[in-house]
Amino acid sequence: MTADCPFCARIADGEYDDEPRRGCYVFPPLNPVTPGHLLVVPGEHVRDASVAPATAAAVMQQAALVVQRLGGDANIITSIGPAATQTVPHLHIHVVPRREGDGLYLPWTGQQRGGAS
């Protein structure tokens, strides 16, 4: 755990699951982009996926299990570094449930703004 990491601080304070799932905590982000948006975060402090690929693989496996449990379509997204939109320097994977026409625009998909294509 790292004292200046907001995820580590909240884990230490018991704000998230009392019992991590396979070493990961699952909780909603402060600003969800779709209903049901969740973060999957390892209990150990790891800056990002490039630093600890094995930990990243375990977190991705847990994210996939979350998607299975939720059912339906989803994006599973992680970022590495500020230029890639990582705002918290602790590995985390976004599980973003998707629905046709949900309005979340991802430019690399060919979607048109304002809805799914």
C-alpha atoms as a PDB file:
ATOM      1  CA  MET A   1       0.000   0.000   0.000  1.00  0.00           C
ATOM      2  CA  THR A   2       1.121   3.524  -0.754  1.00  0.00           C
ATOM      3  CA  ALA A   3       0.082   6.399   1.497  1.00  0.00           C
ATOM      4  CA  ASP A   4      -0.471   8.912  -1.317  1.00  0.00           C
ATOM      5  CA  CYS A   5      -2.626   6.574  -3.446  1.00  0.00           C
ATOM      6  CA  PRO A   6      -6.388   7.214  -3.125  1.00  0.00           C
ATOM      7  CA  PHE A   7      -7.265   3.558  -3.824  1.00  0.00           C
ATOM      8  CA  CYS A   8      -4.755   2.296  -1.237  1.00  0.00           C
ATOM      9  CA  ALA A   9      -6.067   4.800   1.334  1.00  0.00           C
ATOM     10  CA  ARG A  10      -9.663   3.744   0.787  1.00  0.00           C
ATOM     11  CA  ILE A  11      -8.760   0.034   0.904  1.00  0.00           C
ATOM     12  CA  ALA A  12      -6.861   0.603   4.178  1.00  0.00           C
ATOM     13  CA  ASP A  13      -9.836   2.532   5.587  1.00  0.00           C
ATOM     14  CA  GLY A  14     -12.178  -0.364   4.739  1.00  0.00           C
ATOM     15  CA  GLU A  15     -14.289   1.677   2.286  1.00  0.00           C
ATOM     16  CA  TYR A  16     -14.395  -1.170  -0.222  1.00  0.00           C
ATOM     17  CA  ASP A  17     -15.223  -4.872   0.096  1.00  0.00           C
ATOM     18  CA  ASP A  18     -14.355  -6.376   3.452  1.00  0.00           C
ATOM     19  CA  GLU A  19     -13.179  -9.445   1.519  1.00  0.00           C
ATOM     20  CA  PRO A  20     -11.358  -8.915  -1.776  1.00  0.00           C
ATOM     21  CA  ARG A  21     -12.320 -11.249  -4.619  1.00  0.00           C
ATOM     22  CA  ARG A  22      -9.192 -13.134  -5.700  1.00  0.00           C
ATOM     23  CA  GLY A  23      -7.046 -10.283  -4.380  1.00  0.00           C
ATOM     24  CA  CYS A  24      -9.139  -7.618  -6.135  1.00  0.00           C
ATOM     25  CA  TYR A  25     -11.639  -5.055  -4.958  1.00  0.00           C
ATOM     26  CA  VAL A  26     -14.683  -4.241  -7.084  1.00  0.00           C
ATOM     27  CA  PHE A  27     -16.496  -0.932  -6.614  1.00  0.00           C
ATOM     28  CA  PRO A  28     -18.176   1.851  -8.604  1.00  0.00           C
ATOM     29  CA  PRO A  29     -16.054   4.811  -9.743  1.00  0.00           C
ATOM     30  CA  LEU A  30     -16.773   8.320  -8.508  1.00  0.00           C
ATOM     31  CA  ASN A  31     -18.129   9.288 -11.938  1.00  0.00           C
ATOM     32  CA  PRO A  32     -19.663   6.273 -13.692  1.00  0.00           C
ATOM     33  CA  VAL A  33     -20.102   6.667 -17.457  1.00  0.00           C
ATOM     34  CA  THR A  34     -22.920   4.105 -17.786  1.00  0.00           C
ATOM     35  CA  PRO A  35     -25.226   2.421 -15.250  1.00  0.00           C
ATOM     36  CA  GLY A  36     -23.369  -0.452 -13.595  1.00  0.00           C
ATOM     37  CA  HIS A  37     -19.856   0.900 -14.354  1.00  0.00           C
ATOM     38  CA  LEU A  38     -17.378  -0.733 -11.952  1.00  0.00           C
ATOM     39  CA  LEU A  39     -13.651  -0.665 -11.231  1.00  0.00           C
ATOM     40  CA  VAL A  40     -11.588  -3.777 -10.529  1.00  0.00           C
ATOM     41  CA  VAL A  41      -8.492  -2.908  -8.466  1.00  0.00           C
ATOM     42  CA  PRO A  42      -5.766  -5.161  -7.031  1.00  0.00           C
ATOM     43  CA  GLY A  43      -5.274  -4.979  -3.288  1.00  0.00           C
ATOM     44  CA  GLU A  44      -1.542  -4.577  -3.756  1.00  0.00           C
ATOM     45  CA  HIS A  45      -0.289  -1.234  -5.023  1.00  0.00           C
ATOM     46  CA  VAL A  46       0.805  -1.552  -8.635  1.00  0.00           C
ATOM     47  CA  ARG A  47       1.139   1.646 -10.683  1.00  0.00           C
ATOM     48  CA  ASP A  48      -0.219   0.190 -13.941  1.00  0.00           C
ATOM     49  CA  ALA A  49      -0.423  -2.933 -16.104  1.00  0.00           C
ATOM     50  CA  SER A  50       3.047  -2.413 -17.603  1.00  0.00           C
ATOM     51  CA  VAL A  51       4.743  -2.658 -14.205  1.00  0.00           C
ATOM     52  CA  ALA A  52       3.308  -6.044 -13.183  1.00  0.00           C
ATOM     53  CA  PRO A  53       1.868  -8.034 -16.110  1.00  0.00           C
ATOM     54  CA  ALA A  54       0.988 -11.036 -13.922  1.00  0.00           C
ATOM     55  CA  THR A  55      -1.032  -8.838 -11.555  1.00  0.00           C
ATOM     56  CA  ALA A  56      -2.670  -7.160 -14.553  1.00  0.00           C
ATOM     57  CA  ALA A  57      -3.638 -10.608 -15.870  1.00  0.00           C
ATOM     58  CA  ALA A  58      -5.237 -11.526 -12.531  1.00  0.00           C
ATOM     59  CA  VAL A  59      -7.159  -8.233 -12.458  1.00  0.00           C
ATOM     60  CA  MET A  60      -8.312  -8.790 -16.056  1.00  0.00           C
ATOM     61  CA  GLN A  61      -9.499 -12.287 -15.125  1.00  0.00           C
ATOM     62  CA  GLN A  62     -11.530 -10.832 -12.262  1.00  0.00           C
ATOM     63  CA  ALA A  63     -12.947  -8.156 -14.592  1.00  0.00           C
ATOM     64  CA  ALA A  64     -14.036 -10.883 -17.020  1.00  0.00           C
ATOM     65  CA  LEU A  65     -15.762 -12.734 -14.176  1.00  0.00           C
ATOM     66  CA  VAL A  66     -17.582  -9.511 -13.243  1.00  0.00           C
ATOM     67  CA  VAL A  67     -18.822  -9.214 -16.842  1.00  0.00           C
ATOM     68  CA  GLN A  68     -19.989 -12.855 -16.750  1.00  0.00           C
ATOM     69  CA  ARG A  69     -21.875 -12.178 -13.524  1.00  0.00           C
ATOM     70  CA  LEU A  70     -23.492  -9.012 -14.891  1.00  0.00           C
ATOM     71  CA  GLY A  71     -24.307 -10.510 -18.284  1.00  0.00           C
ATOM     72  CA  GLY A  72     -24.670  -8.437 -21.419  1.00  0.00           C
ATOM     73  CA  ASP A  73     -22.183  -6.434 -23.438  1.00  0.00           C
ATOM     74  CA  ALA A  74     -19.332  -4.471 -21.858  1.00  0.00           C
ATOM     75  CA  ASN A  75     -16.083  -2.662 -22.457  1.00  0.00           C
ATOM     76  CA  ILE A  76     -13.107  -3.666 -20.303  1.00  0.00           C
ATOM     77  CA  ILE A  77     -10.644  -0.776 -20.316  1.00  0.00           C
ATOM     78  CA  THR A  78      -7.393   0.127 -18.569  1.00  0.00           C
ATOM     79  CA  SER A  79      -5.032   3.045 -19.123  1.00  0.00           C
ATOM     80  CA  ILE A  80      -1.271   3.375 -18.623  1.00  0.00           C
ATOM     81  CA  GLY A  81      -0.062   6.891 -17.843  1.00  0.00           C
ATOM     82  CA  PRO A  82      -1.563  10.381 -17.831  1.00  0.00           C
ATOM     83  CA  ALA A  83      -1.442  10.815 -21.635  1.00  0.00           C
ATOM     84  CA  ALA A  84      -3.625   7.693 -21.853  1.00  0.00           C
ATOM     85  CA  THR A  85      -6.123   9.172 -19.328  1.00  0.00           C
ATOM     86  CA  GLN A  86      -4.906   7.308 -16.220  1.00  0.00           C
ATOM     87  CA  THR A  87      -5.802   9.654 -13.351  1.00  0.00           C
ATOM     88  CA  VAL A  88      -5.103   7.352 -10.378  1.00  0.00           C
ATOM     89  CA  PRO A  89      -1.604   5.796 -10.366  1.00  0.00           C
ATOM     90  CA  HIS A  90      -2.870   2.387  -9.190  1.00  0.00           C
ATOM     91  CA  LEU A  91      -3.716  -0.354 -11.687  1.00  0.00           C
ATOM     92  CA  HIS A  92      -7.459  -0.470 -12.274  1.00  0.00           C
ATOM     93  CA  ILE A  93      -9.725  -1.886 -14.937  1.00  0.00           C
ATOM     94  CA  HIS A  94     -13.018  -0.292 -15.868  1.00  0.00           C
ATOM     95  CA  VAL A  95     -15.928  -2.658 -16.515  1.00  0.00           C
ATOM     96  CA  VAL A  96     -18.345  -0.522 -18.518  1.00  0.00           C
ATOM     97  CA  PRO A  97     -21.695  -2.179 -19.265  1.00  0.00           C
ATOM     98  CA  ARG A  98     -22.927  -1.219 -22.725  1.00  0.00           C
ATOM     99  CA  ARG A  99     -26.401  -0.982 -24.194  1.00  0.00           C
ATOM    100  CA  GLU A 100     -27.439  -0.047 -27.711  1.00  0.00           C
ATOM    101  CA  GLY A 101     -27.794   3.735 -27.884  1.00  0.00           C
ATOM    102  CA  ASP A 102     -26.290   4.358 -24.415  1.00  0.00           C
ATOM    103  CA  GLY A 103     -24.625   7.543 -25.698  1.00  0.00           C
ATOM    104  CA  LEU A 104     -21.076   6.607 -24.685  1.00  0.00           C
ATOM    105  CA  TYR A 105     -18.894   7.577 -27.627  1.00  0.00           C
ATOM    106  CA  LEU A 106     -15.617   5.703 -28.143  1.00  0.00           C
ATOM    107  CA  PRO A 107     -13.883   7.247 -31.156  1.00  0.00           C
ATOM    108  CA  TRP A 108     -11.856   4.188 -32.190  1.00  0.00           C
ATOM    109  CA  THR A 109     -15.028   2.137 -32.773  1.00  0.00           C
ATOM    110  CA  GLY A 110     -16.520   4.055 -35.681  1.00  0.00           C
ATOM    111  CA  GLN A 111     -19.550   4.941 -33.566  1.00  0.00           C
ATOM    112  CA  GLN A 112     -21.300   8.192 -34.278  1.00  0.00           C
ATOM    113  CA  ARG A 113     -21.553  10.731 -31.468  1.00  0.00           C
ATOM    114  CA  GLY A 114     -24.766  10.447 -29.482  1.00  0.00           C
ATOM    115  CA  GLY A 115     -25.280   6.697 -29.851  1.00  0.00           C
ATOM    116  CA  ALA A 116     -23.930   3.337 -30.774  1.00  0.00           C
ATOM    117  CA  SER A 117     -23.659   2.293 -34.403  1.00  0.00           C
END
